[in-house]
Structure formats: structure tokens, C-alpha cells
Protein backbone atom coordinates (compact mmCIF):
# COMPACT_ATOMS: atom_id res chain seq x y z
CA UNK A 1 115.18 210.07 214.81
CA UNK A 2 118.77 208.92 215.23
CA UNK A 3 121.29 209.91 212.57
CA UNK A 4 124.10 207.65 211.42
CA UNK A 5 127.08 208.43 209.19
CA UNK A 6 128.61 205.48 207.32
CA UNK A 7 131.97 205.70 205.59
CA UNK A 8 132.36 202.98 202.98
CA UNK A 9 128.59 202.81 202.47
CA UNK A 10 128.93 201.58 198.87
CA UNK A 11 130.68 198.38 199.96
CA UNK A 12 129.16 195.05 200.98
CA UNK A 13 129.01 195.90 204.69
CA UNK A 14 127.92 199.48 204.10
CA UNK A 15 124.90 198.40 202.08
CA UNK A 16 123.80 195.82 204.67
CA UNK A 17 124.30 198.32 207.48
CA UNK A 18 122.35 201.06 205.68
CA UNK A 19 119.51 198.60 205.13
CA UNK A 20 119.51 197.62 208.81
CA UNK A 21 119.59 201.19 210.12
CA UNK A 22 116.83 202.36 207.79
CA UNK A 23 114.68 199.47 209.02
CA UNK A 24 115.32 200.67 212.58
CA UNK A 25 114.11 204.18 211.74
CA UNK A 26 117.46 205.94 211.38
CA UNK A 27 118.30 208.79 209.06
CA UNK A 28 121.36 207.46 207.24
CA UNK A 29 124.13 209.49 205.64
CA UNK A 30 126.79 207.78 203.54
CA UNK A 31 130.18 208.90 202.27
CA UNK A 32 130.79 208.15 198.59
CA UNK A 33 134.07 208.61 196.74
CA UNK A 34 133.81 210.47 193.46
CA UNK A 35 134.30 208.19 190.44
CA UNK A 36 133.70 208.49 186.70
CA UNK A 37 131.27 205.58 186.86
CA UNK A 38 128.45 204.97 189.33
CA UNK A 39 129.61 202.86 192.29
CA UNK A 40 126.36 202.85 194.27
CA UNK A 41 124.77 199.72 192.78
CA UNK A 42 124.46 197.96 196.14
CA UNK A 43 122.36 200.88 197.42
CA UNK A 44 119.92 201.08 194.51
CA UNK A 45 117.13 199.16 196.31
CA UNK A 46 117.38 201.60 199.25
CA UNK A 47 117.78 204.91 197.49
CA UNK A 48 115.06 207.56 197.21
CA UNK A 49 115.25 210.96 195.57
CA UNK A 50 116.53 213.24 198.36
CA UNK A 51 113.89 215.77 197.33
CA UNK A 52 111.24 213.30 198.52
CA UNK A 53 110.13 214.33 201.99
CA UNK A 54 110.11 210.68 203.11
CA UNK A 55 113.75 210.06 202.11
CA UNK A 56 116.03 208.94 204.94
CA UNK A 57 119.15 207.90 202.97
CA UNK A 58 121.48 210.67 201.83
CA UNK A 59 124.80 210.30 200.02
CA UNK A 60 127.66 212.78 200.21
CA UNK A 61 130.89 212.97 198.27
CA UNK A 62 133.93 212.62 200.48
CA UNK A 63 137.08 210.64 201.18
CA UNK A 64 138.82 209.66 204.41
CA UNK A 65 142.13 210.81 202.88
CA UNK A 66 140.73 214.38 203.01
CA UNK A 67 140.43 215.54 206.61
CA UNK A 68 138.75 218.84 205.75
CA UNK A 69 136.02 217.00 203.85
CA UNK A 70 135.43 214.68 206.82
CA UNK A 71 135.20 217.68 209.13
CA UNK A 72 132.61 219.38 206.92
CA UNK A 73 130.57 216.18 206.67
CA UNK A 74 130.35 215.87 210.45
CA UNK A 75 129.20 219.47 210.75
CA UNK A 76 126.65 218.99 207.98
CA UNK A 77 125.16 215.63 209.00
CA UNK A 78 125.45 215.95 212.82
CA UNK A 79 125.45 212.18 213.41
CA UNK A 80 124.65 210.37 216.63
CA UNK A 81 126.59 207.33 215.44
CA UNK A 82 129.51 206.95 213.05
CA UNK A 83 130.32 203.62 211.43
CA UNK A 84 133.80 203.79 209.95
CA UNK A 85 133.95 201.05 207.32
CA UNK A 86 135.92 202.76 204.53
CA UNK A 87 139.13 200.96 203.60
CA UNK A 88 141.35 199.59 200.88
CA UNK A 89 140.35 196.14 202.08
CA UNK A 90 141.96 193.75 199.58
CA UNK A 91 144.86 192.05 201.37
CA UNK A 92 146.80 191.00 198.24
CA UNK A 93 146.47 194.49 196.73
CA UNK A 94 147.89 196.00 199.92
CA UNK A 95 151.26 194.43 199.07
CA UNK A 96 151.17 196.27 195.74
CA UNK A 97 149.92 199.56 197.22
CA UNK A 98 151.19 199.67 200.81
CA UNK A 99 151.44 203.47 201.12
CA UNK A 100 147.95 204.04 199.76
CA UNK A 101 146.59 201.29 202.01
CA UNK A 102 148.20 202.88 205.07
CA UNK A 103 146.88 206.32 204.10
CA UNK A 104 143.30 205.09 203.76
CA UNK A 105 143.15 202.45 206.49
CA UNK A 106 145.43 203.74 209.26
CA UNK A 107 145.55 207.50 208.71
CA UNK A 108 141.95 207.52 207.48
CA UNK A 109 140.83 206.26 210.89
CA UNK A 110 143.04 208.81 212.65
CA UNK A 111 141.63 211.68 210.57
CA UNK A 112 138.09 210.63 211.34
CA UNK A 113 138.76 210.30 215.06
CA UNK A 114 140.45 213.70 215.24
CA UNK A 115 137.63 215.36 213.30
CA UNK A 116 135.08 213.67 215.55
CA UNK A 117 136.96 214.83 218.65
CA UNK A 118 136.81 218.43 217.46
CA UNK A 119 133.16 218.10 216.46
CA UNK A 120 132.17 216.67 219.86
CA UNK A 121 134.07 219.42 221.66
CA UNK A 122 132.57 222.26 219.60
CA UNK A 123 129.01 220.96 219.33
CA UNK A 124 128.71 219.36 222.76
CA UNK A 125 126.92 216.42 221.11
CA UNK A 126 127.74 212.87 222.21
CA UNK A 127 128.77 210.69 219.26
CA UNK A 128 129.35 206.94 219.26
CA UNK A 129 131.97 205.64 216.83
CA UNK A 130 132.43 202.15 215.43
CA UNK A 131 135.87 201.31 214.03
CA UNK A 132 135.91 198.33 211.67
CA UNK A 133 138.71 195.98 212.60
CA UNK A 134 139.69 192.78 210.84
CA UNK A 135 140.67 189.24 211.73
CA UNK A 136 143.74 189.81 209.53
CA UNK A 137 145.17 191.76 212.47
CA UNK A 138 145.72 188.41 214.24
CA UNK A 139 147.67 187.06 211.26
CA UNK A 140 150.08 184.39 212.52
CA UNK A 141 148.66 184.27 216.06
CA UNK A 142 147.47 180.72 216.83
CA UNK A 143 143.70 180.10 216.79
CA UNK A 144 141.23 180.47 218.31
CA UNK A 145 141.65 184.26 218.43
CA UNK A 146 139.68 186.49 220.80
CA UNK A 147 139.88 189.99 222.30
CA UNK A 148 142.92 189.11 224.42
CA UNK A 149 144.93 187.51 221.59
CA UNK A 150 148.05 189.47 220.65
CA UNK A 151 148.04 190.88 217.11
CA UNK A 152 150.57 189.49 214.61
CA UNK A 153 149.74 191.20 211.27
CA UNK A 154 151.12 189.69 208.06
CA UNK A 155 150.26 192.28 205.39
CA UNK A 156 150.31 196.06 204.92
CA UNK A 157 146.51 195.97 205.19
CA UNK A 158 146.65 194.11 208.52
CA UNK A 159 149.36 196.38 209.92
CA UNK A 160 147.24 199.41 208.97
CA UNK A 161 144.18 197.91 210.66
CA UNK A 162 146.21 197.32 213.83
CA UNK A 163 147.22 200.99 213.80
CA UNK A 164 143.58 202.04 213.35
CA UNK A 165 142.56 199.76 216.23
CA UNK A 166 145.06 201.33 218.62
CA UNK A 167 144.17 204.85 217.49
CA UNK A 168 140.58 204.02 218.46
CA UNK A 169 141.64 202.67 221.87
CA UNK A 170 143.85 205.71 222.47
CA UNK A 171 141.10 208.23 221.66
CA UNK A 172 138.72 206.31 223.90
CA UNK A 173 141.14 206.38 226.82
CA UNK A 174 142.69 209.81 226.27
CA UNK A 175 139.57 211.82 225.50
CA UNK A 176 136.73 209.74 226.93
CA UNK A 177 135.20 209.25 223.49
CA UNK A 178 132.77 206.41 222.84
CA UNK A 179 134.86 204.46 220.33
CA UNK A 180 134.43 200.70 219.91
CA UNK A 181 136.40 198.29 217.75
CA UNK A 182 134.61 195.43 216.04
CA UNK A 183 137.16 192.79 215.06
CA UNK A 184 135.17 191.00 212.39
CA UNK A 185 136.30 187.72 210.90
CA UNK A 186 135.64 187.03 207.21
CA UNK A 187 132.05 187.69 206.24
CA UNK A 188 130.58 187.09 202.82
CA UNK A 189 127.37 187.42 200.83
CA UNK A 190 126.18 187.72 197.22
CA UNK A 191 127.15 191.40 197.52
CA UNK A 192 130.82 190.56 198.06
CA UNK A 193 133.22 192.09 195.53
CA UNK A 194 134.16 189.72 192.72
CA UNK A 195 137.92 189.92 193.36
CA UNK A 196 137.56 188.38 196.84
CA UNK A 197 138.19 184.64 196.81
CA UNK A 198 134.74 183.42 197.91
CA UNK A 199 132.85 185.46 195.34
CA UNK A 200 135.50 184.72 192.73
CA UNK A 201 134.83 181.02 193.30
CA UNK A 202 131.04 181.23 193.09
CA UNK A 203 131.14 183.53 190.04
CA UNK A 204 133.75 181.38 188.34
CA UNK A 205 132.19 177.97 188.98
CA UNK A 206 128.68 179.06 188.01
CA UNK A 207 130.00 180.50 184.73
CA UNK A 208 131.99 177.32 184.11
CA UNK A 209 128.87 175.21 184.73
CA UNK A 210 127.13 177.03 181.85
CA UNK A 211 130.08 177.00 179.49
CA UNK A 212 130.78 180.71 179.86
CA UNK A 213 134.28 180.26 181.29
CA UNK A 214 137.06 177.71 180.86
CA UNK A 215 139.33 178.04 183.89
CA UNK A 216 139.38 179.56 187.36
CA UNK A 217 142.75 180.88 188.58
CA UNK A 218 143.29 180.87 192.36
CA UNK A 219 146.08 181.12 194.92
CA UNK A 220 146.50 179.23 198.20
CA UNK A 221 143.77 176.60 198.54
CA UNK A 222 144.87 175.49 202.03
CA UNK A 223 144.35 178.85 203.79
CA UNK A 224 141.67 178.45 206.46
CA UNK A 225 139.23 181.19 207.37
CA UNK A 226 136.26 181.72 209.69
CA UNK A 227 133.51 182.65 207.20
CA UNK A 228 130.18 184.13 208.27
CA UNK A 229 127.30 186.03 206.67
CA UNK A 230 127.71 189.78 206.23
CA UNK A 231 124.11 190.49 207.24
CA UNK A 232 124.73 188.87 210.64
CA UNK A 233 127.92 190.84 211.12
CA UNK A 234 126.40 194.25 210.44
CA UNK A 235 123.78 193.45 213.07
CA UNK A 236 126.73 192.95 215.43
CA UNK A 237 128.13 196.39 214.48
CA UNK A 238 124.88 198.03 215.51
CA UNK A 239 124.73 196.08 218.79
CA UNK A 240 128.29 197.12 219.61
CA UNK A 241 127.28 200.81 219.48
CA UNK A 242 124.10 200.21 221.53
CA UNK A 243 126.11 198.70 224.39
CA UNK A 244 126.27 200.78 227.56
CA UNK A 245 130.01 201.43 227.23
CA UNK A 246 132.65 201.46 224.51
CA UNK A 247 134.45 198.13 224.26
CA UNK A 248 136.11 195.90 221.68
CA UNK A 249 134.47 192.74 220.35
CA UNK A 250 135.47 189.80 218.18
CA UNK A 251 132.69 188.77 215.79
CA UNK A 252 133.06 185.27 214.32
CA UNK A 253 131.36 181.89 213.83
CA UNK A 254 133.96 179.80 215.68
CA UNK A 255 134.39 177.52 212.65
CA UNK A 256 137.35 177.41 210.26
CA UNK A 257 137.20 176.16 206.67
CA UNK A 258 139.79 176.05 203.91
CA UNK A 259 139.47 177.57 200.45
CA UNK A 260 139.49 173.96 199.22
CA UNK A 261 136.44 173.20 201.38
CA UNK A 262 134.65 176.26 200.00
CA UNK A 263 135.37 174.94 196.49
CA UNK A 264 134.06 171.48 197.45
CA UNK A 265 130.73 172.78 198.74
CA UNK A 266 130.20 175.16 195.82
CA UNK A 267 131.17 172.59 193.19
CA UNK A 268 128.95 169.90 194.72
CA UNK A 269 125.96 172.23 194.45
CA UNK A 270 126.73 172.62 190.74
CA UNK A 271 127.69 168.93 190.24
CA UNK A 272 131.12 169.96 189.01
CA UNK A 273 134.58 168.42 189.48
CA UNK A 274 136.36 171.68 190.28
CA UNK A 275 139.83 170.09 189.98
CA UNK A 276 139.32 169.98 186.20
CA UNK A 277 138.99 173.75 186.04
CA UNK A 278 140.96 175.34 188.89
CA UNK A 279 144.54 176.40 188.14
CA UNK A 280 147.09 177.66 190.67
CA UNK A 281 148.45 181.09 189.76
CA UNK A 282 151.37 182.17 191.94
CA UNK A 283 150.55 185.86 191.46
CA UNK A 284 147.66 185.33 193.88
CA UNK A 285 149.95 184.03 196.64
CA UNK A 286 150.82 186.49 199.41
CA UNK A 287 154.46 187.20 200.29
CA UNK A 288 153.52 186.39 203.90
CA UNK A 289 150.57 184.05 204.28
CA UNK A 290 148.01 183.76 207.07
CA UNK A 291 147.41 180.04 207.51
CA UNK A 292 144.41 179.87 209.84
CA UNK A 293 141.93 182.27 211.39
CA UNK A 294 139.20 181.09 213.72
CA UNK A 295 137.45 183.49 216.06
CA UNK A 296 136.08 183.10 219.56
CA UNK A 297 133.03 185.38 219.81
CA UNK A 298 132.13 184.31 223.35
CA UNK A 299 132.20 187.90 224.62
CA UNK A 300 129.78 189.07 221.91
CA UNK A 301 127.47 186.18 222.76
CA UNK A 302 127.39 186.93 226.48
CA UNK A 303 127.48 190.74 226.40
CA UNK A 304 125.60 191.55 223.18
CA UNK A 305 123.46 188.39 222.89
CA UNK A 306 124.83 188.05 219.36
CA UNK A 307 125.32 184.82 217.46
CA UNK A 308 125.54 183.94 213.76
CA UNK A 309 122.36 182.72 212.04
CA UNK A 310 123.71 181.49 208.68
CA UNK A 311 125.78 178.29 208.54
CA UNK A 312 128.79 177.81 206.27
CA UNK A 313 126.96 175.45 203.82
CA UNK A 314 123.98 177.82 203.63
CA UNK A 315 126.26 180.79 203.03
CA UNK A 316 127.93 179.02 200.10
CA UNK A 317 124.53 177.94 198.75
CA UNK A 318 123.22 181.51 198.96
CA UNK A 319 126.18 182.82 196.96
CA UNK A 320 126.07 180.02 194.37
CA UNK A 321 122.35 180.47 193.74
CA UNK A 322 122.78 184.22 193.29
CA UNK A 323 125.70 183.86 190.88
CA UNK A 324 124.05 181.06 188.96
CA UNK A 325 121.16 183.42 188.24
CA UNK A 326 123.67 186.03 187.04
CA UNK A 327 125.40 183.48 184.83
CA UNK A 328 122.09 182.44 183.27
CA UNK A 329 121.34 186.08 182.48
CA UNK A 330 124.76 186.37 180.86
CA UNK A 331 124.14 183.17 178.87
CA UNK A 332 120.83 184.55 177.64
CA UNK A 333 122.50 187.76 176.49
CA UNK A 334 125.20 185.81 174.68
CA UNK A 335 122.63 183.69 172.89
CA UNK A 336 121.02 186.95 171.73
CA UNK A 337 124.38 188.17 170.42
CA UNK A 338 124.83 190.73 173.19
CA UNK A 339 127.32 188.99 175.43
CA UNK A 340 131.10 188.86 175.80
CA UNK A 341 133.56 186.24 174.59
CA UNK A 342 134.23 183.18 176.74
CA UNK A 343 137.34 183.29 178.87
CA UNK A 344 138.87 182.67 182.25
CA UNK A 345 138.49 184.75 185.37
CA UNK A 346 141.63 186.64 186.35
CA UNK A 347 140.28 188.53 189.39
CA UNK A 348 142.29 189.13 192.55
């Protein structure tokens, strides 16, 4: 039975990846940051009591800002594959917390690689490592962007991801480690965090459609992104580590849509005129904007036989239907006197 270690397992991608690996017969270990409230909700459908002899998902407290903890986790779990997904991944927040973002995203990757190098040397076990890149690394580079496109990062988050990418390449070339970068373009799902613009839109519009919310505050509506489905993209992560050699891959749909287009599709499903409810709030604008990202995943298609399965309209529909069900539950609770007061969303 293969063993996998996932940093960032409690996030959107981590939960999809854990689900995929368990279905493939892996024993899965996940790194969870200690918090005063439970942050493992996305994993609830997968979790079994670790005392159960059939359990194959195990969670461990740890943090990529603590190299000694990472080292102990590698020795304890003895993984065959490591999927490094942990990050402070909110681009706008990275402008407010640049040092923290760099510590987690850039130095976090370096700590993990160095710990893995020591573990491989001491144990003699081969370990394959996936480093989660981001389309934000391309920033102002003209589309379409592929593996040969020069990086032009436009945020502290993107700069940190570029550093992590080159750390991965350096460890691959200097020490012969199997380290692959997956440069994933935007990928969404109903599990997306509610402060990210796509989920903020579907949560906000569905609540507005039921009278639970008055306004939706957003930033740049003209930014264009290449949006795919997170479930497809975690399948690509796994395929990247099954490839015969360590390489870097762009994962994308090859289509670019604006935030305004996302609003149009979501609002049409709800029969809403979103322009009556959406308000521009300049605090959501970035100091340096990324105008258009559109990926060329031709290499992944030819080498990994990977292609996206969920179209942009179906992705939006999936998210709207999920959040409409949540809004109806909220409406039911309010009608029973158990809900919260109406208001406007002020997420990131």
C-alpha cells in the first residue's frame, strides 16, 4: 500500500486529493495546523476513527513554518509521495501579510524540501514530491502561458510561489530528487473558501435570491482567469507524480473568462439582475493587478493524457446549486428564529 503525505489537506485541493488517493488504495496522512476551532470540515466524509483497523486516513498536527515538526512527520509517516499544498493562498491578503506569506509559501517549501532531502538520505527510501505552483506566477506575462513562459509575478503571494518553484527545480537538479511542479490555473468547486471571488459570488447571489442578503461587494470585474474544476486538477497532481520522471506541468482549461462573465452565468441561473446588487469596493482591488491568465496545458495532454472534464458553465452551475441549497437551509433556520440578521457579504 502506497503512503502519501499531504500538507494543506484541510483545504479545497487537499480534500479532493485525499478522496482520490483513498479511492486508489493509498494510506493517506495529512498535516493539520492547530486551531481553537475544528478546521477539518471538508474531510468529515472521509474520516474514520484511527483506532479502526480499516482506517487509511490519518491527521497529524504540524506546520510548514516549523522545520523540526516537518522532519518528525516524515520519519513518522514514511511517505512514498508528498503533495505540498499548504500555503497562505489568498492573493489580496498577501499584500497585507507579505512576510507571513513568504514564510509559509516560499520558506515553507524550502523547509519541506530540505527535510525530505535528509529523510531520503538517511532512510534510503525514494520519495516523490509534488510542489503546488500557481498561475499567479505568470502575472503580467501575456497569455497563453505555458511551461516555457517567463514568470512575471505581481503579488507577494506570486513572488513566493516563484521562489518555491525554483527551490523545487534546484533540489531536483542538485540532488537528483524526484520533485515536480504543477503550475495550476484557477480551479474552483463548492468546497472553495468563501473569501475567494468565485465562491463569494455564488454564496452572495444565492443568498440575495432568497432575501438573506442585500448587496455583494466585489473588486475588479474585468480580471480574466482560466477557471477549471478542482476535482480535475487534483487528478492531474496524481498523474504528475506517476510520470516516469520529474517534470513541470501547466494544468489549465485553455479558456479565459472575466469575473463579470462569472457573474452573468451565476445570475442567469438564479434569474437575477446582478447589477442591482453588486457594489464596487476599492479595498478589494490589488495594488498591482493581473489582467488575464489563460493556460496552455498541451504538455499535460500529450504526456499525462490529462484534460479537463467540467466546462465553465457546468462549474458555475455546480457551485450555484450547492450554495442555493445552503441558502435555503439558512432561510429555514431564520424562519424558525435560529438564523442571523440580514446583511451584505464583506468577504475577501
